[in-house]
Protein backbone atom coordinates (compact mmCIF):
# COMPACT_ATOMS: atom_id res chain seq x y z
CA MET A 1 19.30 25.43 -22.98
CA ASP A 2 22.55 23.32 -22.46
CA GLY A 3 23.63 26.09 -20.31
CA GLN A 4 20.51 25.98 -18.28
CA ARG A 5 20.75 22.33 -17.81
CA ALA A 6 24.38 22.51 -16.68
CA GLY A 7 23.39 25.12 -14.10
CA GLN A 8 20.67 23.04 -12.65
CA ARG A 9 23.03 20.19 -12.55
CA GLU A 10 25.68 22.31 -10.55
CA LEU A 11 22.64 23.40 -8.26
CA ARG A 12 21.85 19.77 -7.58
CA GLU A 13 25.50 18.82 -7.03
CA THR A 14 25.69 21.70 -4.40
CA GLN A 15 22.42 20.70 -2.76
CA LEU A 16 23.31 16.94 -2.49
CA GLY A 17 27.14 16.73 -2.59
CA ARG A 18 28.63 13.24 -2.93
CA ILE A 19 25.65 10.78 -3.05
CA LEU A 20 25.41 7.15 -1.90
CA ILE A 21 22.26 4.80 -2.96
CA TYR A 22 21.95 2.50 0.10
CA GLY A 23 19.82 -0.46 -0.99
CA LEU A 24 18.74 -0.95 -4.51
CA GLY A 25 15.59 -2.93 -5.28
CA ARG A 26 12.54 -1.27 -6.61
CA SER A 27 12.91 1.94 -4.89
CA GLY A 28 16.77 2.08 -5.21
CA ARG A 29 16.35 1.70 -8.83
CA GLY A 30 13.92 4.49 -9.25
CA VAL A 31 16.44 6.72 -7.28
CA ALA A 32 19.28 5.75 -9.58
CA ARG A 33 17.24 6.36 -12.89
CA PHE A 34 16.25 9.78 -11.37
CA LEU A 35 19.63 10.94 -10.45
CA ALA A 36 21.11 9.77 -13.72
CA ALA A 37 18.45 11.68 -15.58
CA GLU A 38 19.38 14.93 -13.55
CA GLY A 39 23.07 14.37 -14.59
CA LEU A 40 24.18 13.33 -11.17
CA GLN A 41 26.66 10.72 -10.16
CA ALA A 42 26.22 8.41 -7.31
CA ASP A 43 27.70 5.37 -5.57
CA TRP A 44 25.67 2.41 -4.50
CA LEU A 45 25.67 -0.39 -1.92
CA ASP A 46 23.52 -3.35 -1.41
CA ALA A 47 24.29 -6.50 0.48
CA ARG A 48 22.46 -8.62 -2.01
CA PRO A 49 21.84 -6.88 -5.18
CA GLY A 50 19.79 -8.76 -7.86
CA PRO A 51 20.71 -9.10 -11.59
CA GLU A 52 18.35 -6.32 -12.37
CA ASP A 53 20.03 -4.07 -9.75
CA THR A 54 23.64 -4.84 -11.03
CA ALA A 55 22.66 -4.26 -14.64
CA LEU A 56 20.89 -0.84 -14.18
CA VAL A 57 23.76 0.60 -12.19
CA ALA A 58 26.44 -0.55 -14.64
CA ASP A 59 24.25 0.80 -17.35
CA LEU A 60 24.09 4.25 -15.66
CA GLY A 61 27.91 4.22 -14.72
CA PHE A 62 27.45 4.31 -11.00
CA GLY A 63 30.08 2.33 -9.24
CA PRO A 64 30.16 0.45 -5.71
CA GLY A 65 30.27 2.71 -2.83
CA ASP A 66 32.72 2.43 0.13
CA LEU A 67 31.66 3.48 3.69
CA SER A 68 34.82 5.25 4.39
CA ARG A 69 34.15 7.87 1.71
CA PRO A 70 32.75 11.27 2.81
CA TYR A 71 29.15 11.21 1.65
CA SER A 72 26.90 14.21 1.99
CA THR A 73 23.61 12.55 1.11
CA VAL A 74 22.61 9.07 1.57
CA VAL A 75 19.42 7.80 -0.24
CA ALA A 76 18.34 4.65 1.87
CA ALA A 77 15.73 2.11 0.46
CA PRO A 78 12.67 1.80 2.73
CA GLY A 79 13.62 -1.74 3.78
CA VAL A 80 16.64 -0.64 5.55
CA PRO A 81 16.12 -0.01 9.34
CA ILE A 82 16.59 3.52 10.31
CA ASP A 83 19.10 2.24 12.89
CA HIS A 84 21.08 0.09 10.71
CA PRO A 85 24.68 0.25 11.71
CA ASP A 86 25.98 1.55 8.49
CA LEU A 87 23.48 4.29 8.27
CA LEU A 88 24.41 5.36 11.98
CA ALA A 89 27.89 5.40 10.92
CA LEU A 90 27.36 7.57 7.88
CA ALA A 91 25.17 9.90 9.85
CA ALA A 92 27.82 10.31 12.49
CA ARG A 93 30.26 11.41 9.81
CA GLY A 94 27.77 14.07 8.60
CA ALA A 95 25.88 12.41 5.88
CA GLU A 96 22.22 13.31 5.63
CA ILE A 97 20.00 10.31 5.35
CA LEU A 98 17.00 10.56 3.07
CA GLY A 99 14.48 8.44 1.40
CA GLU A 100 13.14 8.59 -2.16
CA VAL A 101 10.18 10.94 -0.95
CA ALA A 102 12.32 13.45 0.74
CA LEU A 103 14.69 13.51 -2.48
CA ALA A 104 11.53 14.05 -4.55
CA ALA A 105 10.31 16.90 -2.43
CA ARG A 106 13.66 18.63 -2.32
CA LEU A 107 14.38 18.42 -5.93
CA ARG A 108 10.91 19.03 -7.18
CA PRO A 109 9.59 21.63 -4.75
CA ASN A 110 6.83 22.92 -6.85
CA LEU A 111 5.10 19.74 -7.50
CA PRO A 112 1.99 19.39 -5.41
CA MET A 113 1.97 15.99 -3.46
CA ILE A 114 -0.89 14.18 -1.54
CA GLY A 115 0.80 11.75 1.07
CA ILE A 116 -1.55 8.86 2.23
CA THR A 117 -0.62 6.43 4.90
CA GLY A 118 -2.25 4.16 7.28
CA THR A 119 -2.15 0.62 8.68
CA ALA A 120 -4.75 -0.57 6.16
CA GLY A 121 -6.38 0.93 3.14
CA LYS A 122 -3.63 3.38 2.00
CA GLY A 123 -2.80 1.71 -1.42
CA SER A 124 -6.45 1.50 -2.43
CA THR A 125 -7.19 5.08 -1.11
CA THR A 126 -4.07 6.27 -3.07
CA VAL A 127 -5.19 4.93 -6.29
CA LEU A 128 -8.69 6.26 -5.75
CA VAL A 129 -7.62 9.83 -5.15
CA ALA A 130 -5.46 9.62 -8.38
CA HIS A 131 -8.57 8.53 -10.18
CA LEU A 132 -10.89 11.30 -8.79
CA LEU A 133 -8.34 14.07 -9.62
CA ARG A 134 -7.94 12.59 -13.32
CA VAL A 135 -11.61 12.71 -13.72
CA CYS A 136 -11.48 16.31 -12.59
CA GLY A 137 -9.00 17.08 -15.25
CA LEU A 138 -5.63 16.84 -13.61
CA ALA A 139 -2.78 14.87 -14.61
CA ALA A 140 -2.48 13.06 -11.44
CA LEU A 141 -0.26 9.90 -10.97
CA GLU A 142 0.07 7.60 -8.06
CA GLY A 143 3.47 6.29 -6.74
CA GLY A 144 5.71 5.82 -3.69
CA ASN A 145 5.01 2.51 -1.58
CA ILE A 146 2.72 1.43 -4.44
CA ASP A 147 4.13 0.77 -7.85
CA PRO A 148 5.73 2.73 -9.65
CA PRO A 149 8.27 4.37 -7.40
CA LEU A 150 7.63 8.05 -6.80
CA LEU A 151 10.87 9.21 -8.60
CA ASP A 152 9.40 7.39 -11.73
CA VAL A 153 6.42 9.69 -12.00
CA VAL A 154 7.45 13.31 -10.69
CA ASP A 155 8.29 14.65 -14.04
CA ARG A 156 5.17 13.45 -15.52
CA ALA A 157 2.50 14.43 -12.92
CA GLU A 158 0.69 17.63 -12.22
CA VAL A 159 -0.10 16.14 -9.01
CA ALA A 160 1.62 13.17 -7.24
CA VAL A 161 -0.40 11.09 -5.11
CA VAL A 162 2.06 9.23 -2.75
CA GLU A 163 1.21 6.04 -0.64
CA LEU A 164 3.68 6.28 2.22
CA SER A 165 4.65 3.31 4.41
CA SER A 166 5.84 3.76 8.03
CA PHE A 167 9.36 2.60 6.81
CA GLN A 168 9.29 5.52 4.26
CA LEU A 169 8.14 8.06 6.78
CA GLU A 170 11.03 7.43 9.11
CA ARG A 171 13.22 9.43 6.62
CA VAL A 172 11.26 12.27 5.48
CA PRO A 173 12.99 15.43 6.97
CA GLY A 174 11.57 18.78 5.89
CA LEU A 175 8.51 17.03 4.01
CA ARG A 176 5.56 19.31 3.95
CA LEU A 177 2.50 18.03 2.19
CA PRO A 178 -0.35 20.36 1.30
CA VAL A 179 -2.80 17.41 1.78
CA ALA A 180 -2.26 14.44 3.78
CA VAL A 181 -4.41 11.47 4.75
CA ILE A 182 -4.17 8.83 7.57
CA THR A 183 -6.70 6.00 6.68
CA ASN A 184 -6.35 4.49 10.19
CA LEU A 185 -3.95 3.65 12.77
CA GLY A 186 -3.58 -0.02 14.10
CA ILE A 187 -0.67 -2.23 14.95
CA ASP A 188 1.96 -3.55 12.50
CA HIS A 189 5.57 -4.15 11.85
CA LEU A 190 6.51 -4.39 15.32
CA ASP A 191 9.50 -6.54 14.13
CA ARG A 192 10.83 -3.37 12.59
CA HIS A 193 9.55 -0.51 14.88
CA ARG A 194 9.60 -2.69 18.21
CA THR A 195 6.73 -0.80 19.78
CA GLU A 196 3.34 0.53 18.95
CA ALA A 197 4.28 4.02 19.87
CA ALA A 198 7.27 3.92 17.58
CA TYR A 199 5.09 2.54 14.59
CA HIS A 200 2.55 5.22 15.26
CA ALA A 201 5.32 8.07 15.68
CA ALA A 202 6.49 6.96 12.23
CA LYS A 203 3.14 7.10 10.59
CA LEU A 204 2.51 10.54 12.16
CA ASN A 205 5.47 11.88 10.42
CA ILE A 206 3.12 12.42 7.62
CA THR A 207 1.82 15.79 9.32
CA ALA A 208 5.12 16.68 11.05
CA GLY A 209 6.09 19.40 8.47
CA GLN A 210 2.43 20.64 7.73
CA THR A 211 1.31 24.20 8.84
CA ALA A 212 -1.84 25.81 9.38
CA ASP A 213 -2.45 26.30 5.56
CA ASP A 214 -2.42 22.54 4.99
CA VAL A 215 -5.09 19.87 5.34
CA LEU A 216 -4.77 16.42 7.28
CA ILE A 217 -7.63 14.07 6.66
CA VAL A 218 -8.26 11.40 9.45
CA PRO A 219 -10.99 8.93 10.51
CA ALA A 220 -13.56 10.13 12.73
CA GLY A 221 -12.77 9.78 16.41
CA LEU A 222 -8.88 9.66 15.76
CA GLN A 223 -7.02 12.38 17.47
CA VAL A 224 -3.89 13.63 15.91
CA GLN A 225 -1.78 16.37 17.05
CA THR A 226 -1.26 18.65 14.00
CA ARG A 227 -0.83 22.20 12.94
CA ALA A 228 -3.00 21.42 9.78
CA LYS A 229 -6.60 21.68 9.36
CA ALA A 230 -7.96 18.35 10.29
CA LEU A 231 -11.06 17.02 8.41
CA ALA A 232 -12.70 13.73 9.48
CA PHE A 233 -14.16 11.17 7.29
CA SER A 234 -16.73 8.30 8.17
CA PRO A 235 -17.48 5.18 6.03
CA ASP A 236 -21.24 6.24 6.31
CA SER A 237 -20.97 9.29 4.35
CA LEU A 238 -19.47 10.35 0.95
CA ALA A 239 -19.53 13.98 1.58
CA LEU A 240 -17.43 17.18 0.97
CA ALA A 241 -15.72 19.08 3.73
CA ASP A 242 -18.93 21.50 3.99
CA GLY A 243 -21.32 18.16 4.49
CA ARG A 244 -22.67 18.10 0.90
CA LEU A 245 -23.50 14.55 -0.03
CA ILE A 246 -21.78 13.52 -3.24
CA LEU A 247 -23.07 9.78 -3.59
CA PRO A 248 -24.68 7.28 -1.40
CA THR A 249 -22.43 4.70 -0.25
CA ALA A 250 -24.58 1.96 -1.58
CA HIS A 251 -23.71 3.28 -5.26
CA LEU A 252 -20.12 2.52 -4.88
CA PRO A 253 -18.78 -0.17 -7.28
CA GLU A 254 -18.14 -3.57 -5.73
CA GLY A 255 -14.70 -3.75 -4.06
CA ILE A 256 -14.50 0.04 -3.21
CA HIS A 257 -14.55 0.43 0.59
CA PRO A 258 -16.72 3.13 1.78
CA ALA A 259 -14.01 4.47 4.27
CA ASN A 260 -11.38 4.60 1.49
CA ALA A 261 -13.94 6.55 -0.83
CA ALA A 262 -14.79 8.90 1.93
CA ALA A 263 -11.22 9.91 2.61
CA ALA A 264 -10.20 10.11 -1.01
CA LEU A 265 -13.06 12.34 -1.69
CA LEU A 266 -12.05 14.71 0.99
CA ALA A 267 -8.32 14.44 -0.24
CA ALA A 268 -9.28 15.31 -4.00
CA GLU A 269 -11.50 18.29 -2.86
CA ALA A 270 -8.54 19.69 -0.73
CA MET A 271 -6.08 19.53 -3.46
CA LEU A 272 -8.40 20.96 -6.22
CA LEU A 273 -9.02 23.91 -3.63
CA TYR A 274 -5.16 24.12 -2.97
CA LEU A 275 -4.68 24.52 -6.79
CA GLY A 276 -7.46 26.93 -7.09
CA ARG A 277 -9.41 24.46 -9.36
CA PRO A 278 -13.40 24.13 -9.23
CA VAL A 279 -14.68 21.49 -7.14
CA ARG A 280 -17.32 19.79 -9.20
CA PRO A 281 -19.73 17.50 -7.34
CA ASP A 282 -20.98 15.89 -10.54
CA LEU A 283 -17.62 15.10 -11.67
CA LEU A 284 -16.56 13.54 -8.14
CA ALA A 285 -19.84 11.36 -8.21
CA ALA A 286 -19.06 10.18 -11.69
CA ALA A 287 -15.51 9.40 -10.58
CA LEU A 288 -16.65 7.29 -7.64
CA ARG A 289 -19.03 5.38 -9.65
CA SER A 290 -16.47 4.46 -12.25
CA ALA A 291 -13.71 3.71 -9.81
CA GLN A 292 -12.10 0.22 -9.97
CA PRO A 293 -10.69 -1.80 -6.97
CA VAL A 294 -6.92 -2.40 -7.04
CA SER A 295 -6.13 -5.84 -8.00
CA GLY A 296 -5.35 -7.93 -4.94
CA ARG A 297 -7.33 -5.94 -2.55
CA PHE A 298 -10.84 -7.47 -1.77
CA GLU A 299 -11.24 -8.45 -5.35
CA THR A 300 -13.98 -10.84 -6.65
CA VAL A 301 -12.08 -13.12 -8.79
CA ALA A 302 -14.50 -15.73 -9.74
CA ARG A 303 -18.18 -16.69 -8.97
CA LEU A 304 -20.13 -20.23 -9.12
CA GLY A 305 -23.82 -19.94 -8.77
CA ASN A 306 -24.25 -18.04 -5.44
CA VAL A 307 -20.83 -18.54 -4.19
CA ARG A 308 -18.19 -15.64 -4.67
CA PHE A 309 -14.44 -16.16 -4.49
CA ILE A 310 -12.79 -12.93 -3.01
CA GLU A 311 -9.02 -12.47 -3.20
CA ASP A 312 -7.42 -10.13 -0.52
CA SER A 313 -4.03 -11.57 -0.11
CA ILE A 314 -2.58 -8.36 1.02
CA ALA A 315 -4.89 -8.78 4.25
CA THR A 316 -2.17 -9.54 6.78
CA ARG A 317 -2.88 -6.70 9.21
CA THR A 318 -5.56 -7.22 11.88
CA LEU A 319 -7.53 -4.02 10.57
CA ALA A 320 -7.44 -5.05 6.92
CA VAL A 321 -8.47 -8.61 7.77
CA GLU A 322 -11.24 -7.31 10.08
CA ALA A 323 -12.65 -4.97 7.32
CA ALA A 324 -12.57 -8.02 4.71
CA LEU A 325 -14.63 -10.12 7.20
CA LEU A 326 -17.17 -7.41 7.85
CA ARG A 327 -17.47 -6.78 3.94
CA ALA A 328 -17.76 -10.21 2.76
CA THR A 329 -21.33 -11.75 2.31
CA PRO A 330 -21.71 -14.53 4.93
CA PRO A 331 -21.59 -17.31 5.37
CA ILE A 332 -17.93 -17.04 4.85
CA ALA A 333 -15.36 -20.03 4.29
CA TRP A 334 -12.17 -17.90 5.43
CA LEU A 335 -8.88 -19.06 4.16
CA VAL A 336 -6.22 -18.41 6.67
CA GLY A 337 -2.47 -19.25 6.52
CA GLY A 338 0.88 -18.12 5.75
CA ARG A 339 3.78 -17.27 8.25
CA ASP A 340 2.64 -15.76 11.32
CA LYS A 341 3.68 -12.20 11.80
CA GLY A 342 2.04 -11.90 15.45
CA ALA A 343 -1.32 -10.13 14.31
CA ASP A 344 -3.81 -9.64 16.95
CA LEU A 345 -6.53 -12.22 16.42
CA VAL A 346 -9.00 -10.89 19.29
CA PRO A 347 -10.81 -8.46 17.01
CA LEU A 348 -11.03 -11.09 14.44
CA ARG A 349 -12.84 -13.65 16.44
CA ALA A 350 -15.45 -10.84 17.08
CA ALA A 351 -15.58 -10.04 13.44
CA ALA A 352 -16.07 -13.66 12.46
CA GLU A 353 -18.79 -14.15 15.09
CA GLY A 354 -21.78 -15.45 13.07
CA ARG A 355 -20.41 -14.91 9.67
CA VAL A 356 -17.60 -17.46 9.34
CA VAL A 357 -18.90 -21.00 8.94
CA ARG A 358 -15.40 -22.73 8.53
CA VAL A 359 -11.72 -21.61 8.55
CA ILE A 360 -9.60 -23.17 5.82
CA ALA A 361 -6.16 -23.28 7.25
CA PHE A 362 -3.09 -23.56 4.96
CA GLY A 363 0.59 -23.03 4.84
CA GLU A 364 3.34 -22.74 7.68
CA ASP A 365 1.25 -21.35 10.60
CA GLY A 366 -2.17 -21.76 9.18
CA GLU A 367 -3.27 -24.41 11.72
CA LYS A 368 -1.91 -22.56 14.63
CA MET A 369 -3.93 -19.42 13.69
CA ALA A 370 -6.97 -21.39 13.17
CA ARG A 371 -6.68 -23.04 16.61
CA GLU A 372 -6.05 -19.52 18.14
CA LEU A 373 -9.19 -18.29 16.48
CA GLY A 374 -11.18 -21.06 18.02
CA LEU A 375 -13.64 -21.49 14.96
CA PRO A 376 -14.55 -24.51 13.16
CA SER A 377 -11.54 -25.39 10.91
CA GLU A 378 -10.00 -27.91 8.66
CA THR A 379 -6.37 -27.89 7.35
CA VAL A 380 -5.36 -28.35 3.79
CA ALA A 381 -1.80 -29.24 2.35
CA GLY A 382 -0.25 -30.03 -1.05
CA GLU A 383 2.91 -30.13 -2.92
CA GLY A 384 3.88 -26.44 -3.50
CA GLY A 385 1.93 -23.24 -3.22
CA ASP A 386 -0.43 -23.51 -6.30
CA GLU A 387 -1.60 -26.89 -5.09
CA VAL A 388 -2.15 -25.88 -1.55
CA LEU A 389 -4.27 -22.82 -2.52
CA MET A 390 -6.15 -25.07 -5.14
CA ASN A 391 -7.01 -27.57 -2.17
CA ALA A 392 -7.96 -24.52 0.04
CA ALA A 393 -10.24 -23.08 -2.65
CA ARG A 394 -12.10 -26.46 -3.10
CA ALA A 395 -12.32 -26.93 0.64
CA GLY A 396 -13.93 -23.46 0.85
CA LEU A 397 -16.33 -24.33 -2.03
CA ALA A 398 -17.36 -27.46 -0.42
CA ALA A 399 -18.30 -25.71 2.88
CA LEU A 400 -20.66 -23.50 1.11
CA GLN A 401 -22.04 -25.88 -1.44
CA HIS A 402 -25.70 -25.95 0.19
CA THR A 403 -25.75 -22.36 1.13
CA GLY A 404 -23.89 -20.09 -0.94
CA GLY A 405 -21.70 -17.19 0.51
CA THR A 406 -18.11 -16.08 0.26
CA VAL A 407 -14.72 -18.02 -0.23
CA LEU A 408 -12.57 -15.32 1.36
CA LEU A 409 -8.68 -15.29 1.09
CA ALA A 410 -7.77 -12.82 3.82
CA PRO A 411 -4.74 -14.97 5.07
CA ILE A 412 -3.25 -12.83 8.19
CA GLY A 413 -0.02 -14.43 7.49
CA THR A 414 2.53 -13.32 5.27
CA SER A 415 3.16 -15.18 1.84
CA PHE A 416 6.80 -16.01 2.27
CA ASP A 417 6.50 -19.59 3.33
CA LEU A 418 5.07 -20.67 -0.16
CA PHE A 419 5.32 -17.63 -2.36
CA LYS A 420 7.63 -14.91 -3.15
CA ASP A 421 5.02 -12.15 -2.12
CA TYR A 422 1.54 -11.50 -1.56
CA ARG A 423 0.87 -10.69 -5.25
CA ALA A 424 1.92 -14.26 -6.23
CA ARG A 425 -0.18 -15.89 -3.59
CA GLY A 426 -3.08 -13.78 -4.76
CA GLU A 427 -2.64 -14.89 -8.51
CA SER A 428 -2.30 -18.46 -7.30
CA PHE A 429 -5.74 -18.25 -5.61
CA LYS A 430 -7.29 -16.43 -8.55
CA GLN A 431 -6.37 -19.14 -10.97
CA ALA A 432 -7.34 -21.80 -8.61
CA ALA A 433 -10.83 -20.24 -8.14
CA ARG A 434 -11.33 -19.67 -11.75
CA ALA A 435 -10.10 -23.09 -12.69
CA LEU A 436 -12.32 -24.77 -9.98
CA THR A 437 -15.38 -22.73 -11.10
CA THR A 438 -14.86 -23.74 -14.67
CA GLN A 439 -14.53 -27.42 -13.84
CA THR A 440 -17.47 -27.49 -11.65
CA ALA A 441 -19.67 -25.50 -13.95
CA GLN A 442 -19.03 -28.10 -16.76
CA PRO A 443 -21.77 -30.57 -17.41
CA ALA A 444 -21.09 -33.97 -15.93
CA GLU A 445 -20.71 -35.74 -19.44
CA ALA A 446 -18.23 -33.07 -20.51
CA GLN A 447 -16.00 -33.96 -17.47
CA ALA A 448 -16.12 -37.62 -17.87
C-alpha cells in the first residue's frame, strides 16, 4: 500500500510540477488541505492572508511563494481576476493557471460531477440536486462556490454537485461535465468582467468541454451553442425529459422555487441515467416534497398574524430580486439597501407594480435606489447594522399592520456597508424579525 501511495504521489508530482497556491481564503485553504493529503508540497501567496490562512499553511509545512520561481501549476482563488498582473506574468513564464474545480477534475477524473451555474438560483439548485440524488440512493455531496469547497468533498462523494460562479468558470481548462445546468443568464459582476458579453462567455464555459454524450440543462427559450444534448426546463412543469409529470408545482414546499426544482429534476435524472441507475419517479416526487430551502434564500424567518417576514439577503442580482418580488405574497413592504452594485432597476419597477406598497430604504445607497425605483418609500437609520435592520423590519410591519402581507428583505445592494457579508445581514434581519414578532405578540400587560 505504501508503494502504491508513493507511486500515486510521483504521478501527481509529474502532472502538476512545482505548485503555487495564489490566494488563500475558503477556496485556497481547501486546495492546501487537498494537496497536503495527496502528499504534495506547494508554495502560497496572498496579499492579505488572515490568521486562519497563515495557521493552516504553517501547519501543513507550506512556505511563502516567490514570483521569480519557475512554477508549473498555479491554483488561483476565484476572487483573483483572470487578468491579474501576477497571473499574467506566471503564465508568460509557462505556468498553467487552474482553479480548484479544474484541479479536482484532473486529479479525480473518475468522479462524476454535475456543474451548475447561472445569474440567480444556482446555489439553491445545487443543494436541491444533491438532495434528489441522495434520496435516490447516491452518496451525492455539494460543494464549490457553495460551502464547502469542492476539494473538501471529492473523496467522500459518489457524485459531486458543484455550484460554479463566473469567477470559477474563467479557469476550468479541459473540464468536461457529463451533466451541466444553466439556471438563467442575466447581468452581474460587470466590475470584474467589464461587459455583459464577457460575463456570459465565462458562464458558458460550463459547456465548453461537453460532447454529444453529455447533457446541458437550460431554461426554455435560452439558446446556447453546445455540443451536448440540450434539455429545456420550465417553472410551470416538474417533468422528466420524456414529459412525464412528477409533481404539481403547487405541491412544492414553501421556499422551493419551481424553476430551480424543474432544473434540478432534469439534472438528477440525467446523472442517474449516466450512471446506469434506475429513474424512480416515486422517489423523485418524495424528494421534491421533502426538500428544504437553503438558509438565506427566500426563507420565511418569522410570522405575526397574517404578516410573513422573508429573508432573501443574497438577492442582489436583478433576476434574483425580481423572482423574490414575484413569489412574495402581496402586499409587500420591500426592504432595499446596502451598497449599490449597479443592478438594473427597470425590471424591478415592473415586478413591483401593484405588489409593493412601500419601500423601506436603509444603508449606504438605500435612499438613492428607492428614488430610482419611484415607489412610495421611507428611509430608516440606526447605530450599526443590527439597529438599522430592526428599524427596517419595524417599519415594514407598520406598513402592513392593517392589510397583512410580506415584509421582504431582497436588498439589491451588497452588504458591505454595514455587515461582513450577506449571511451576516440575513442573520441580523432574522433576529430582528423574530424579536419584533415576539415583542408584538406579547399581551400589553406583559410588555408594561
